[in-house]
Amino acid sequence: MICKYCENEISKNTNICPHCRMINSEYFKLSFGSKLIALVFPIVGVCMFFIMNSKNKANSRKILSWTIYGFISWIFLYITTFFMGIILAFQI
């Protein structure tokens, strides 16, 4: 296999080129933990997106989508909690 950054020959089983130290995006996959962090902590997901954007476009898009899901979930949770608080306040 050939590295797309420095065009040197590298092993098929490696994720990082030993010559230029760039991540081989064809074989690098996101872990479930990084997706979960982007979902639960969307601000961290935005930071991860900007860090990964320069090196790996495909994975940065996946992180961005998990971050958007996290923002939507937090907004839904906030609105639900707010209205439940209003309903419970008027019942007392």
C-alpha atoms as a PDB file:
ATOM      1  CA  MET A   1       0.000   0.000   0.000  1.00  0.00           C
ATOM      2  CA  ILE A   2       1.189   3.539  -0.724  1.00  0.00           C
ATOM      3  CA  CYS A   3       0.820   6.477   1.672  1.00  0.00           C
ATOM      4  CA  LYS A   4      -1.273   9.220   0.053  1.00  0.00           C
ATOM      5  CA  TYR A   5       0.698  11.967   1.821  1.00  0.00           C
ATOM      6  CA  CYS A   6       4.350  11.059   1.205  1.00  0.00           C
ATOM      7  CA  GLU A   7       3.821   8.313  -1.435  1.00  0.00           C
ATOM      8  CA  ASN A   8       6.131   5.842   0.320  1.00  0.00           C
ATOM      9  CA  GLU A   9       5.359   2.149   0.565  1.00  0.00           C
ATOM     10  CA  ILE A  10       3.767   1.164   3.893  1.00  0.00           C
ATOM     11  CA  SER A  11       2.359  -2.019   5.370  1.00  0.00           C
ATOM     12  CA  LYS A  12      -1.339  -2.805   4.910  1.00  0.00           C
ATOM     13  CA  ASN A  13      -1.752  -3.452   8.641  1.00  0.00           C
ATOM     14  CA  THR A  14      -0.534  -0.071   9.880  1.00  0.00           C
ATOM     15  CA  ASN A  15      -2.677   2.970  10.679  1.00  0.00           C
ATOM     16  CA  ILE A  16       0.139   5.536  10.702  1.00  0.00           C
ATOM     17  CA  CYS A  17       2.789   6.025   8.039  1.00  0.00           C
ATOM     18  CA  PRO A  18       6.253   5.487   9.588  1.00  0.00           C
ATOM     19  CA  HIS A  19       7.786   8.083   7.240  1.00  0.00           C
ATOM     20  CA  CYS A  20       5.485  11.110   7.543  1.00  0.00           C
ATOM     21  CA  ARG A  21       3.494  10.094  10.695  1.00  0.00           C
ATOM     22  CA  MET A  22       0.152  10.885   9.031  1.00  0.00           C
ATOM     23  CA  ILE A  23      -2.940   8.803   9.733  1.00  0.00           C
ATOM     24  CA  ASN A  24      -3.944   6.465   6.959  1.00  0.00           C
ATOM     25  CA  SER A  25      -7.648   7.321   6.750  1.00  0.00           C
ATOM     26  CA  GLU A  26      -8.599   4.184   4.826  1.00  0.00           C
ATOM     27  CA  TYR A  27      -7.887   1.965   7.814  1.00  0.00           C
ATOM     28  CA  PHE A  28      -8.430   4.341  10.733  1.00  0.00           C
ATOM     29  CA  LYS A  29     -11.828   3.910  12.368  1.00  0.00           C
ATOM     30  CA  LEU A  30     -13.407   5.874  15.178  1.00  0.00           C
ATOM     31  CA  SER A  31     -13.880   4.088  18.446  1.00  0.00           C
ATOM     32  CA  PHE A  32     -17.278   3.889  20.105  1.00  0.00           C
ATOM     33  CA  GLY A  33     -15.878   5.873  23.052  1.00  0.00           C
ATOM     34  CA  SER A  34     -15.057   8.913  20.932  1.00  0.00           C
ATOM     35  CA  LYS A  35     -18.554   8.840  19.412  1.00  0.00           C
ATOM     36  CA  LEU A  36     -20.084   8.561  22.880  1.00  0.00           C
ATOM     37  CA  ILE A  37     -18.023  11.496  24.169  1.00  0.00           C
ATOM     38  CA  ALA A  38     -19.183  13.619  21.209  1.00  0.00           C
ATOM     39  CA  LEU A  39     -22.785  12.631  21.946  1.00  0.00           C
ATOM     40  CA  VAL A  40     -22.733  13.293  25.700  1.00  0.00           C
ATOM     41  CA  PHE A  41     -20.416  16.331  25.627  1.00  0.00           C
ATOM     42  CA  PRO A  42     -21.116  18.190  22.357  1.00  0.00           C
ATOM     43  CA  ILE A  43     -18.587  20.958  23.108  1.00  0.00           C
ATOM     44  CA  VAL A  44     -15.835  18.335  23.263  1.00  0.00           C
ATOM     45  CA  GLY A  45     -17.206  16.914  20.001  1.00  0.00           C
ATOM     46  CA  VAL A  46     -16.797  20.299  18.313  1.00  0.00           C
ATOM     47  CA  CYS A  47     -13.178  20.440  19.508  1.00  0.00           C
ATOM     48  CA  MET A  48     -12.592  16.895  18.240  1.00  0.00           C
ATOM     49  CA  PHE A  49     -14.077  17.897  14.873  1.00  0.00           C
ATOM     50  CA  PHE A  50     -11.654  20.795  14.424  1.00  0.00           C
ATOM     51  CA  ILE A  51      -8.689  18.689  15.521  1.00  0.00           C
ATOM     52  CA  MET A  52      -9.544  15.829  13.150  1.00  0.00           C
ATOM     53  CA  ASN A  53     -10.688  18.010  10.250  1.00  0.00           C
ATOM     54  CA  SER A  54      -7.198  18.706   8.937  1.00  0.00           C
ATOM     55  CA  LYS A  55      -6.067  15.066   9.025  1.00  0.00           C
ATOM     56  CA  ASN A  56      -9.112  12.920   8.366  1.00  0.00           C
ATOM     57  CA  LYS A  57     -12.184  14.414   6.681  1.00  0.00           C
ATOM     58  CA  ALA A  58     -14.353  11.269   6.820  1.00  0.00           C
ATOM     59  CA  ASN A  59     -13.913  10.741  10.548  1.00  0.00           C
ATOM     60  CA  SER A  60     -14.369  14.434  11.305  1.00  0.00           C
ATOM     61  CA  ARG A  61     -17.748  14.333   9.550  1.00  0.00           C
ATOM     62  CA  LYS A  62     -18.781  11.340  11.662  1.00  0.00           C
ATOM     63  CA  ILE A  63     -17.750  13.167  14.833  1.00  0.00           C
ATOM     64  CA  LEU A  64     -19.695  16.231  13.681  1.00  0.00           C
ATOM     65  CA  SER A  65     -22.842  14.173  13.117  1.00  0.00           C
ATOM     66  CA  TRP A  66     -22.572  12.606  16.603  1.00  0.00           C
ATOM     67  CA  THR A  67     -22.029  16.108  18.021  1.00  0.00           C
ATOM     68  CA  ILE A  68     -25.175  17.378  16.297  1.00  0.00           C
ATOM     69  CA  TYR A  69     -27.129  14.419  17.704  1.00  0.00           C
ATOM     70  CA  GLY A  70     -25.781  15.367  21.127  1.00  0.00           C
ATOM     71  CA  PHE A  71     -26.871  19.006  20.782  1.00  0.00           C
ATOM     72  CA  ILE A  72     -30.350  17.943  19.676  1.00  0.00           C
ATOM     73  CA  SER A  73     -30.618  15.478  22.573  1.00  0.00           C
ATOM     74  CA  TRP A  74     -29.550  18.081  25.133  1.00  0.00           C
ATOM     75  CA  ILE A  75     -31.988  20.658  23.743  1.00  0.00           C
ATOM     76  CA  PHE A  76     -34.829  18.110  23.838  1.00  0.00           C
ATOM     77  CA  LEU A  77     -33.904  17.130  27.395  1.00  0.00           C
ATOM     78  CA  TYR A  78     -33.753  20.780  28.490  1.00  0.00           C
ATOM     79  CA  ILE A  79     -37.129  21.672  26.953  1.00  0.00           C
ATOM     80  CA  THR A  80     -38.769  18.561  28.398  1.00  0.00           C
ATOM     81  CA  THR A  81     -37.391  19.276  31.862  1.00  0.00           C
ATOM     82  CA  PHE A  82     -38.439  22.930  31.651  1.00  0.00           C
ATOM     83  CA  PHE A  83     -42.034  22.159  30.756  1.00  0.00           C
ATOM     84  CA  MET A  84     -42.258  19.348  33.310  1.00  0.00           C
ATOM     85  CA  GLY A  85     -41.114  21.858  35.931  1.00  0.00           C
ATOM     86  CA  ILE A  86     -43.822  24.313  34.890  1.00  0.00           C
ATOM     87  CA  ILE A  87     -46.503  21.607  34.997  1.00  0.00           C
ATOM     88  CA  LEU A  88     -45.395  20.400  38.420  1.00  0.00           C
ATOM     89  CA  ALA A  89     -45.190  23.965  39.765  1.00  0.00           C
ATOM     90  CA  PHE A  90     -48.840  24.658  38.963  1.00  0.00           C
ATOM     91  CA  GLN A  91     -50.020  21.411  40.533  1.00  0.00           C
ATOM     92  CA  ILE A  92     -48.847  22.415  44.003  1.00  0.00           C
END
